[in-house]
C-alpha cells in the first residue's frame, strides 16, 4: 500500500508539474525585460505598463467579456427551457431531438464558421457584435442543455406532483421546486460555455466585423508580427483575477460549512 501511495504521489507530482509548467513560464516571462521570450535578462514591469496603455488590446478584452456574458445569458435561458420542456414530452422522436440539440458540439468549428458566414451573408446581417452573439449562443446552448438535462434525469419528480396537489401553478412549481434543484447545473453549464465563448478563435474569425475585435482573434493576428511579453502580462492579470475569484468562492463555502457545523452542534446540545 505504501509503495503504491508513493508511486501515485510521484505520478500526480509529474502530472501537475507538466500541467502548470507552461503557466509558470508565462508568468515569469511577463516580468522579463527582453522582448523575446527566450532568455530571462532581468526583472521589469514595462510590459504591464504597455498593457494598460494599449487601448486596442483592452478594447478587445472588453469585447470578449461582453460577448461571453451576452451569449451565456441567452444560452442559459434557451438551454434551460429546452431541457425542461424536452423532459416533459414523451414523443417517439425525443431521442432524435436530443441528438439534434447537441449537434453543434459534434460539428468542427471551421464548418460552423463557414455555415454562419454563408447564412449571415444571405440574411444581409452586418458582421459585428450581433453576428458574434448569435454564433456563440448557438454553440453555447448545448453545454447548458446537456448539464440541465442530466440533472433533470436524477430529480425526484414527486416533489412537483406534491406542489401541484397543494394548489401551486406551473410557474410556481418551476420557480420554487425545479429551478432551485437545477440551478447548480445551470451555473456549471454557464461557466463552461463562458470559457468556450471567451476562448473561441475559429468561429469568431468568420463572423466578426472590421470594427469589432475579440481578444483571442487579436492575439491570433499578433502572431504574424510576433507576440510580445505584453500578452504574457495580460495572461498573468487574468490568472490573478481567476485565482482571487476561486479564493473568494472557497472562503465563502468554508465559512458556510463552519456556520452549518456550528448550528448542527448547537441543535444537538439542545436535544
C-alpha atoms as a PDB file:
ATOM      1  CA  UNK A   1       0.000   0.000   0.000  1.00  0.00           C
ATOM      2  CA  UNK A   2       2.796   2.424   0.894  1.00  0.00           C
ATOM      3  CA  UNK A   3       4.634   1.620  -2.330  1.00  0.00           C
ATOM      4  CA  UNK A   4       1.503   2.253  -4.372  1.00  0.00           C
ATOM      5  CA  UNK A   5       0.926   5.507  -2.470  1.00  0.00           C
ATOM      6  CA  UNK A   6       4.440   6.693  -3.287  1.00  0.00           C
ATOM      7  CA  UNK A   7       4.014   5.827  -6.959  1.00  0.00           C
ATOM      8  CA  UNK A   8       0.641   7.597  -7.044  1.00  0.00           C
ATOM      9  CA  UNK A   9       2.130  10.675  -5.423  1.00  0.00           C
ATOM     10  CA  UNK A  10       5.043  10.659  -7.881  1.00  0.00           C
ATOM     11  CA  UNK A  11       2.665  10.274 -10.825  1.00  0.00           C
ATOM     12  CA  UNK A  12       0.456  13.140  -9.616  1.00  0.00           C
ATOM     13  CA  UNK A  13       3.509  15.302  -8.990  1.00  0.00           C
ATOM     14  CA  UNK A  14       4.805  14.785 -12.535  1.00  0.00           C
ATOM     15  CA  UNK A  15       1.323  15.329 -13.963  1.00  0.00           C
ATOM     16  CA  UNK A  16       0.762  18.622 -12.115  1.00  0.00           C
ATOM     17  CA  UNK A  17       4.291  19.760 -12.975  1.00  0.00           C
ATOM     18  CA  UNK A  18       3.700  19.245 -16.707  1.00  0.00           C
ATOM     19  CA  UNK A  19       0.258  20.868 -16.491  1.00  0.00           C
ATOM     20  CA  UNK A  20       1.300  24.034 -14.674  1.00  0.00           C
ATOM     21  CA  UNK A  21       4.814  24.485 -16.073  1.00  0.00           C
ATOM     22  CA  UNK A  22       3.590  26.440 -19.159  1.00  0.00           C
ATOM     23  CA  UNK A  23       1.527  28.730 -16.912  1.00  0.00           C
ATOM     24  CA  UNK A  24       4.555  29.340 -14.704  1.00  0.00           C
ATOM     25  CA  UNK A  25       6.694  30.156 -17.739  1.00  0.00           C
ATOM     26  CA  UNK A  26       4.095  32.677 -18.968  1.00  0.00           C
ATOM     27  CA  UNK A  27       4.004  34.382 -15.560  1.00  0.00           C
ATOM     28  CA  UNK A  28       7.802  34.514 -15.245  1.00  0.00           C
ATOM     29  CA  UNK A  29       8.383  35.931 -18.728  1.00  0.00           C
ATOM     30  CA  UNK A  30       5.726  38.603 -18.175  1.00  0.00           C
ATOM     31  CA  UNK A  31       8.343  40.237 -15.933  1.00  0.00           C
ATOM     32  CA  UNK A  32      11.148  39.762 -18.446  1.00  0.00           C
ATOM     33  CA  UNK A  33      12.940  42.867 -19.651  1.00  0.00           C
ATOM     34  CA  UNK A  34      13.700  41.443 -23.092  1.00  0.00           C
ATOM     35  CA  UNK A  35      11.152  41.333 -25.891  1.00  0.00           C
ATOM     36  CA  UNK A  36      11.807  37.755 -26.960  1.00  0.00           C
ATOM     37  CA  UNK A  37      10.684  35.029 -24.514  1.00  0.00           C
ATOM     38  CA  UNK A  38      13.877  33.049 -24.961  1.00  0.00           C
ATOM     39  CA  UNK A  39      16.091  34.115 -22.076  1.00  0.00           C
ATOM     40  CA  UNK A  40      15.304  35.964 -18.864  1.00  0.00           C
ATOM     41  CA  UNK A  41      17.509  39.069 -18.967  1.00  0.00           C
ATOM     42  CA  UNK A  42      16.149  40.997 -15.991  1.00  0.00           C
ATOM     43  CA  UNK A  43      13.101  41.920 -13.934  1.00  0.00           C
ATOM     44  CA  UNK A  44      10.881  44.639 -15.393  1.00  0.00           C
ATOM     45  CA  UNK A  45       7.283  45.885 -15.193  1.00  0.00           C
ATOM     46  CA  UNK A  46       7.347  47.725 -18.504  1.00  0.00           C
ATOM     47  CA  UNK A  47       5.132  45.151 -20.226  1.00  0.00           C
ATOM     48  CA  UNK A  48       2.396  45.734 -17.658  1.00  0.00           C
ATOM     49  CA  UNK A  49       2.711  49.447 -18.272  1.00  0.00           C
ATOM     50  CA  UNK A  50       2.405  48.920 -22.023  1.00  0.00           C
ATOM     51  CA  UNK A  51      -0.545  46.580 -21.436  1.00  0.00           C
ATOM     52  CA  UNK A  52      -2.626  49.204 -19.634  1.00  0.00           C
ATOM     53  CA  UNK A  53      -1.694  51.771 -22.293  1.00  0.00           C
ATOM     54  CA  UNK A  54      -2.698  49.521 -25.207  1.00  0.00           C
ATOM     55  CA  UNK A  55      -6.237  50.687 -25.958  1.00  0.00           C
ATOM     56  CA  UNK A  56      -6.799  48.171 -28.756  1.00  0.00           C
ATOM     57  CA  UNK A  57      -5.957  45.207 -26.549  1.00  0.00           C
ATOM     58  CA  UNK A  58      -8.078  46.498 -23.660  1.00  0.00           C
ATOM     59  CA  UNK A  59     -10.988  47.087 -26.042  1.00  0.00           C
ATOM     60  CA  UNK A  60     -10.594  43.553 -27.408  1.00  0.00           C
ATOM     61  CA  UNK A  61     -10.735  42.230 -23.844  1.00  0.00           C
ATOM     62  CA  UNK A  62     -13.918  44.242 -23.167  1.00  0.00           C
ATOM     63  CA  UNK A  63     -15.486  42.914 -26.377  1.00  0.00           C
ATOM     64  CA  UNK A  64     -14.674  39.327 -25.387  1.00  0.00           C
ATOM     65  CA  UNK A  65     -16.223  39.803 -21.946  1.00  0.00           C
ATOM     66  CA  UNK A  66     -19.355  41.431 -23.382  1.00  0.00           C
ATOM     67  CA  UNK A  67     -19.645  38.684 -25.987  1.00  0.00           C
ATOM     68  CA  UNK A  68     -19.173  35.834 -23.485  1.00  0.00           C
ATOM     69  CA  UNK A  69     -21.606  37.296 -20.929  1.00  0.00           C
ATOM     70  CA  UNK A  70     -24.270  38.073 -23.560  1.00  0.00           C
ATOM     71  CA  UNK A  71     -24.086  34.692 -25.292  1.00  0.00           C
ATOM     72  CA  UNK A  72     -24.057  32.810 -21.970  1.00  0.00           C
ATOM     73  CA  UNK A  73     -27.050  34.765 -20.693  1.00  0.00           C
ATOM     74  CA  UNK A  74     -29.135  33.985 -23.775  1.00  0.00           C
ATOM     75  CA  UNK A  75     -27.876  30.387 -23.843  1.00  0.00           C
ATOM     76  CA  UNK A  76     -28.827  29.874 -20.187  1.00  0.00           C
ATOM     77  CA  UNK A  77     -32.444  30.786 -20.917  1.00  0.00           C
ATOM     78  CA  UNK A  78     -32.692  28.748 -24.135  1.00  0.00           C
ATOM     79  CA  UNK A  79     -30.794  25.726 -22.822  1.00  0.00           C
ATOM     80  CA  UNK A  80     -32.673  25.573 -19.523  1.00  0.00           C
ATOM     81  CA  UNK A  81     -36.139  25.953 -21.053  1.00  0.00           C
ATOM     82  CA  UNK A  82     -35.243  23.481 -23.792  1.00  0.00           C
ATOM     83  CA  UNK A  83     -34.054  20.834 -21.328  1.00  0.00           C
ATOM     84  CA  UNK A  84     -37.091  21.286 -19.061  1.00  0.00           C
ATOM     85  CA  UNK A  85     -39.503  21.218 -21.985  1.00  0.00           C
ATOM     86  CA  UNK A  86     -37.876  18.161 -23.565  1.00  0.00           C
ATOM     87  CA  UNK A  87     -38.021  16.284 -20.262  1.00  0.00           C
ATOM     88  CA  UNK A  88     -41.818  16.654 -20.201  1.00  0.00           C
ATOM     89  CA  UNK A  89     -42.593  15.195 -23.620  1.00  0.00           C
ATOM     90  CA  UNK A  90     -42.765  11.513 -24.487  1.00  0.00           C
ATOM     91  CA  UNK A  91     -42.648  11.520 -28.255  1.00  0.00           C
ATOM     92  CA  UNK A  92     -41.016   8.756 -30.262  1.00  0.00           C
ATOM     93  CA  UNK A  93     -38.688  11.345 -31.798  1.00  0.00           C
ATOM     94  CA  UNK A  94     -37.499  12.583 -28.390  1.00  0.00           C
ATOM     95  CA  UNK A  95     -34.118  10.851 -28.755  1.00  0.00           C
ATOM     96  CA  UNK A  96     -33.594  12.371 -32.195  1.00  0.00           C
ATOM     97  CA  UNK A  97     -34.422  15.831 -30.848  1.00  0.00           C
ATOM     98  CA  UNK A  98     -31.884  15.397 -28.042  1.00  0.00           C
ATOM     99  CA  UNK A  99     -29.150  14.486 -30.537  1.00  0.00           C
ATOM    100  CA  UNK A 100     -30.068  17.451 -32.738  1.00  0.00           C
ATOM    101  CA  UNK A 101     -29.847  19.745 -29.689  1.00  0.00           C
ATOM    102  CA  UNK A 102     -26.202  18.816 -29.068  1.00  0.00           C
ATOM    103  CA  UNK A 103     -25.246  18.675 -32.755  1.00  0.00           C
ATOM    104  CA  UNK A 104     -23.185  21.929 -32.669  1.00  0.00           C
ATOM    105  CA  UNK A 105     -20.781  20.211 -30.238  1.00  0.00           C
ATOM    106  CA  UNK A 106     -20.006  17.481 -32.761  1.00  0.00           C
ATOM    107  CA  UNK A 107     -19.547  19.685 -35.830  1.00  0.00           C
ATOM    108  CA  UNK A 108     -15.995  21.025 -36.400  1.00  0.00           C
ATOM    109  CA  UNK A 109     -15.701  24.717 -35.625  1.00  0.00           C
ATOM    110  CA  UNK A 110     -14.387  25.597 -39.073  1.00  0.00           C
ATOM    111  CA  UNK A 111     -17.516  24.069 -40.631  1.00  0.00           C
ATOM    112  CA  UNK A 112     -19.750  26.012 -38.225  1.00  0.00           C
ATOM    113  CA  UNK A 113     -17.853  29.188 -39.022  1.00  0.00           C
ATOM    114  CA  UNK A 114     -18.349  28.719 -42.766  1.00  0.00           C
ATOM    115  CA  UNK A 115     -22.059  27.957 -42.243  1.00  0.00           C
ATOM    116  CA  UNK A 116     -22.554  31.082 -40.133  1.00  0.00           C
ATOM    117  CA  UNK A 117     -20.680  33.160 -42.710  1.00  0.00           C
ATOM    118  CA  UNK A 118     -22.949  31.925 -45.508  1.00  0.00           C
ATOM    119  CA  UNK A 119     -26.180  32.332 -43.502  1.00  0.00           C
ATOM    120  CA  UNK A 120     -25.374  35.831 -42.258  1.00  0.00           C
ATOM    121  CA  UNK A 121     -24.345  36.893 -45.769  1.00  0.00           C
ATOM    122  CA  UNK A 122     -27.627  35.609 -47.228  1.00  0.00           C
ATOM    123  CA  UNK A 123     -29.594  37.363 -44.480  1.00  0.00           C
ATOM    124  CA  UNK A 124     -27.706  40.605 -45.062  1.00  0.00           C
ATOM    125  CA  UNK A 125     -26.701  40.992 -41.427  1.00  0.00           C
ATOM    126  CA  UNK A 126     -23.794  43.366 -40.850  1.00  0.00           C
ATOM    127  CA  UNK A 127     -20.891  41.470 -39.335  1.00  0.00           C
ATOM    128  CA  UNK A 128     -20.080  42.622 -35.829  1.00  0.00           C
ATOM    129  CA  UNK A 129     -21.177  42.058 -32.251  1.00  0.00           C
ATOM    130  CA  UNK A 130     -24.682  40.904 -33.236  1.00  0.00           C
ATOM    131  CA  UNK A 131     -23.417  38.113 -35.503  1.00  0.00           C
ATOM    132  CA  UNK A 132     -20.834  37.143 -32.883  1.00  0.00           C
ATOM    133  CA  UNK A 133     -23.505  36.820 -30.180  1.00  0.00           C
ATOM    134  CA  UNK A 134     -25.764  34.736 -32.444  1.00  0.00           C
ATOM    135  CA  UNK A 135     -22.936  32.393 -33.444  1.00  0.00           C
ATOM    136  CA  UNK A 136     -21.587  31.984 -29.909  1.00  0.00           C
ATOM    137  CA  UNK A 137     -25.075  31.426 -28.498  1.00  0.00           C
ATOM    138  CA  UNK A 138     -25.563  28.598 -30.997  1.00  0.00           C
ATOM    139  CA  UNK A 139     -22.606  26.565 -29.738  1.00  0.00           C
ATOM    140  CA  UNK A 140     -23.045  27.590 -26.075  1.00  0.00           C
ATOM    141  CA  UNK A 141     -26.628  26.319 -25.769  1.00  0.00           C
ATOM    142  CA  UNK A 142     -25.671  22.596 -25.952  1.00  0.00           C
ATOM    143  CA  UNK A 143     -23.345  22.892 -22.937  1.00  0.00           C
ATOM    144  CA  UNK A 144     -26.097  24.240 -20.688  1.00  0.00           C
ATOM    145  CA  UNK A 145     -28.723  21.967 -22.238  1.00  0.00           C
ATOM    146  CA  UNK A 146     -26.612  18.867 -21.538  1.00  0.00           C
ATOM    147  CA  UNK A 147     -25.902  19.845 -17.922  1.00  0.00           C
ATOM    148  CA  UNK A 148     -29.528  20.661 -17.113  1.00  0.00           C
ATOM    149  CA  UNK A 149     -30.840  17.555 -18.879  1.00  0.00           C
ATOM    150  CA  UNK A 150     -28.524  15.337 -16.837  1.00  0.00           C
ATOM    151  CA  UNK A 151     -29.715  16.999 -13.613  1.00  0.00           C
ATOM    152  CA  UNK A 152     -33.368  16.600 -14.551  1.00  0.00           C
ATOM    153  CA  UNK A 153     -32.897  12.860 -15.032  1.00  0.00           C
ATOM    154  CA  UNK A 154     -31.875  12.422 -11.393  1.00  0.00           C
ATOM    155  CA  UNK A 155     -34.556  14.683  -9.909  1.00  0.00           C
ATOM    156  CA  UNK A 156     -37.355  13.455  -7.683  1.00  0.00           C
ATOM    157  CA  UNK A 157     -40.480  14.316  -9.684  1.00  0.00           C
ATOM    158  CA  UNK A 158     -42.743  13.508  -6.747  1.00  0.00           C
ATOM    159  CA  UNK A 159     -41.927  16.982  -5.389  1.00  0.00           C
ATOM    160  CA  UNK A 160     -43.507  18.571  -8.464  1.00  0.00           C
ATOM    161  CA  UNK A 161     -46.593  16.405  -8.092  1.00  0.00           C
ATOM    162  CA  UNK A 162     -46.871  17.312  -4.413  1.00  0.00           C
ATOM    163  CA  UNK A 163     -46.627  21.026  -5.222  1.00  0.00           C
ATOM    164  CA  UNK A 164     -49.339  20.708  -7.884  1.00  0.00           C
ATOM    165  CA  UNK A 165     -51.580  18.815  -5.449  1.00  0.00           C
ATOM    166  CA  UNK A 166     -51.170  21.658  -2.953  1.00  0.00           C
ATOM    167  CA  UNK A 167     -52.500  24.155  -5.484  1.00  0.00           C
ATOM    168  CA  UNK A 168     -49.290  25.581  -6.970  1.00  0.00           C
ATOM    169  CA  UNK A 169     -49.356  26.756 -10.581  1.00  0.00           C
ATOM    170  CA  UNK A 170     -46.947  25.515 -13.266  1.00  0.00           C
ATOM    171  CA  UNK A 171     -44.898  28.705 -12.933  1.00  0.00           C
ATOM    172  CA  UNK A 172     -44.719  28.386  -9.139  1.00  0.00           C
ATOM    173  CA  UNK A 173     -43.611  24.752  -9.457  1.00  0.00           C
ATOM    174  CA  UNK A 174     -40.845  25.751 -11.849  1.00  0.00           C
ATOM    175  CA  UNK A 175     -39.742  28.734  -9.767  1.00  0.00           C
ATOM    176  CA  UNK A 176     -39.903  27.185  -6.278  1.00  0.00           C
ATOM    177  CA  UNK A 177     -39.298  23.456  -6.911  1.00  0.00           C
ATOM    178  CA  UNK A 178     -37.488  22.824 -10.199  1.00  0.00           C
ATOM    179  CA  UNK A 179     -35.254  25.896 -10.516  1.00  0.00           C
ATOM    180  CA  UNK A 180     -33.506  25.565  -7.108  1.00  0.00           C
ATOM    181  CA  UNK A 181     -32.643  21.952  -7.927  1.00  0.00           C
ATOM    182  CA  UNK A 182     -31.274  22.600 -11.424  1.00  0.00           C
ATOM    183  CA  UNK A 183     -29.526  25.874 -10.558  1.00  0.00           C
ATOM    184  CA  UNK A 184     -26.123  24.218  -9.869  1.00  0.00           C
ATOM    185  CA  UNK A 185     -26.326  22.504 -13.265  1.00  0.00           C
ATOM    186  CA  UNK A 186     -27.202  25.816 -14.939  1.00  0.00           C
ATOM    187  CA  UNK A 187     -24.245  27.547 -13.298  1.00  0.00           C
ATOM    188  CA  UNK A 188     -21.905  24.711 -14.297  1.00  0.00           C
ATOM    189  CA  UNK A 189     -23.077  24.914 -17.887  1.00  0.00           C
ATOM    190  CA  UNK A 190     -22.795  28.707 -17.923  1.00  0.00           C
ATOM    191  CA  UNK A 191     -19.203  28.598 -16.636  1.00  0.00           C
ATOM    192  CA  UNK A 192     -18.243  26.006 -19.252  1.00  0.00           C
ATOM    193  CA  UNK A 193     -19.983  27.958 -22.010  1.00  0.00           C
ATOM    194  CA  UNK A 194     -18.319  31.192 -20.838  1.00  0.00           C
ATOM    195  CA  UNK A 195     -14.882  29.588 -21.095  1.00  0.00           C
ATOM    196  CA  UNK A 196     -15.602  28.227 -24.579  1.00  0.00           C
ATOM    197  CA  UNK A 197     -17.010  31.535 -25.815  1.00  0.00           C
ATOM    198  CA  UNK A 198     -14.230  33.646 -24.327  1.00  0.00           C
ATOM    199  CA  UNK A 199     -11.584  31.331 -25.825  1.00  0.00           C
ATOM    200  CA  UNK A 200     -13.064  30.900 -29.318  1.00  0.00           C
ATOM    201  CA  UNK A 201     -10.971  31.874 -32.318  1.00  0.00           C
ATOM    202  CA  UNK A 202     -12.122  29.888 -35.372  1.00  0.00           C
ATOM    203  CA  UNK A 203     -15.826  30.798 -35.431  1.00  0.00           C
ATOM    204  CA  UNK A 204     -15.140  34.393 -34.360  1.00  0.00           C
ATOM    205  CA  UNK A 205     -12.814  34.944 -37.319  1.00  0.00           C
ATOM    206  CA  UNK A 206     -15.614  34.034 -39.744  1.00  0.00           C
ATOM    207  CA  UNK A 207     -18.375  36.158 -38.189  1.00  0.00           C
ATOM    208  CA  UNK A 208     -16.606  39.202 -36.742  1.00  0.00           C
ATOM    209  CA  UNK A 209     -16.606  42.575 -38.440  1.00  0.00           C
ATOM    210  CA  UNK A 210     -13.864  45.084 -39.234  1.00  0.00           C
ATOM    211  CA  UNK A 211     -14.819  47.320 -36.300  1.00  0.00           C
ATOM    212  CA  UNK A 212     -15.144  44.552 -33.661  1.00  0.00           C
ATOM    213  CA  UNK A 213     -12.206  42.505 -32.458  1.00  0.00           C
ATOM    214  CA  UNK A 214     -12.163  39.895 -29.698  1.00  0.00           C
ATOM    215  CA  UNK A 215      -9.174  39.100 -27.529  1.00  0.00           C
ATOM    216  CA  UNK A 216      -8.412  35.618 -28.974  1.00  0.00           C
ATOM    217  CA  UNK A 217      -8.627  36.969 -32.529  1.00  0.00           C
ATOM    218  CA  UNK A 218      -6.437  39.937 -31.568  1.00  0.00           C
ATOM    219  CA  UNK A 219      -3.777  37.620 -30.114  1.00  0.00           C
ATOM    220  CA  UNK A 220      -4.007  35.351 -33.162  1.00  0.00           C
ATOM    221  CA  UNK A 221      -3.386  38.254 -35.536  1.00  0.00           C
ATOM    222  CA  UNK A 222      -0.435  39.375 -33.408  1.00  0.00           C
ATOM    223  CA  UNK A 223       1.262  36.024 -34.103  1.00  0.00           C
ATOM    224  CA  UNK A 224       2.055  37.279 -37.604  1.00  0.00           C
ATOM    225  CA  UNK A 225       4.135  40.173 -36.257  1.00  0.00           C
ATOM    226  CA  UNK A 226       5.359  38.446 -33.100  1.00  0.00           C
ATOM    227  CA  UNK A 227       3.784  38.171 -29.668  1.00  0.00           C
ATOM    228  CA  UNK A 228       5.428  40.390 -27.059  1.00  0.00           C
ATOM    229  CA  UNK A 229       5.508  39.744 -23.292  1.00  0.00           C
ATOM    230  CA  UNK A 230       2.597  42.189 -23.152  1.00  0.00           C
ATOM    231  CA  UNK A 231       0.360  39.173 -23.856  1.00  0.00           C
ATOM    232  CA  UNK A 232       2.099  37.316 -21.027  1.00  0.00           C
ATOM    233  CA  UNK A 233       1.296  40.233 -18.741  1.00  0.00           C
ATOM    234  CA  UNK A 234      -2.362  40.112 -19.772  1.00  0.00           C
ATOM    235  CA  UNK A 235      -2.479  36.360 -19.141  1.00  0.00           C
ATOM    236  CA  UNK A 236      -0.931  36.897 -15.700  1.00  0.00           C
ATOM    237  CA  UNK A 237      -3.501  39.543 -14.773  1.00  0.00           C
ATOM    238  CA  UNK A 238      -6.351  37.286 -15.919  1.00  0.00           C
ATOM    239  CA  UNK A 239      -4.877  34.372 -13.970  1.00  0.00           C
ATOM    240  CA  UNK A 240      -4.668  36.532 -10.842  1.00  0.00           C
ATOM    241  CA  UNK A 241      -8.321  37.569 -11.214  1.00  0.00           C
ATOM    242  CA  UNK A 242      -9.375  33.921 -11.594  1.00  0.00           C
ATOM    243  CA  UNK A 243      -7.374  32.881  -8.522  1.00  0.00           C
ATOM    244  CA  UNK A 244      -8.952  35.684  -6.473  1.00  0.00           C
ATOM    245  CA  UNK A 245     -12.428  34.580  -7.579  1.00  0.00           C
ATOM    246  CA  UNK A 246     -11.667  30.968  -6.653  1.00  0.00           C
ATOM    247  CA  UNK A 247     -10.292  32.067  -3.282  1.00  0.00           C
ATOM    248  CA  UNK A 248     -13.453  34.083  -2.642  1.00  0.00           C
ATOM    249  CA  UNK A 249     -15.695  31.132  -3.519  1.00  0.00           C
ATOM    250  CA  UNK A 250     -13.641  28.782  -1.333  1.00  0.00           C
ATOM    251  CA  UNK A 251     -13.721  31.217   1.585  1.00  0.00           C
ATOM    252  CA  UNK A 252     -17.492  31.655   1.248  1.00  0.00           C
ATOM    253  CA  UNK A 253     -18.090  27.900   1.147  1.00  0.00           C
ATOM    254  CA  UNK A 254     -15.693  27.302   4.032  1.00  0.00           C
ATOM    255  CA  UNK A 255     -17.406  29.874   6.255  1.00  0.00           C
ATOM    256  CA  UNK A 256     -20.796  28.479   5.286  1.00  0.00           C
ATOM    257  CA  UNK A 257     -19.683  24.980   6.254  1.00  0.00           C
ATOM    258  CA  UNK A 258     -18.365  26.233   9.604  1.00  0.00           C
ATOM    259  CA  UNK A 259     -21.649  28.016  10.332  1.00  0.00           C
ATOM    260  CA  UNK A 260     -23.651  24.920   9.366  1.00  0.00           C
ATOM    261  CA  UNK A 261     -21.500  22.697  11.605  1.00  0.00           C
ATOM    262  CA  UNK A 262     -21.876  25.145  14.498  1.00  0.00           C
ATOM    263  CA  UNK A 263     -25.646  25.248  14.031  1.00  0.00           C
ATOM    264  CA  UNK A 264     -25.860  21.435  13.964  1.00  0.00           C
ATOM    265  CA  UNK A 265     -23.735  21.208  17.111  1.00  0.00           C
ATOM    266  CA  UNK A 266     -25.979  23.748  18.830  1.00  0.00           C
ATOM    267  CA  UNK A 267     -29.067  21.732  17.903  1.00  0.00           C
ATOM    268  CA  UNK A 268     -27.542  18.527  19.261  1.00  0.00           C
ATOM    269  CA  UNK A 269     -26.743  20.186  22.581  1.00  0.00           C
ATOM    270  CA  UNK A 270     -30.320  21.452  22.871  1.00  0.00           C
ATOM    271  CA  UNK A 271     -31.600  17.911  22.307  1.00  0.00           C
END
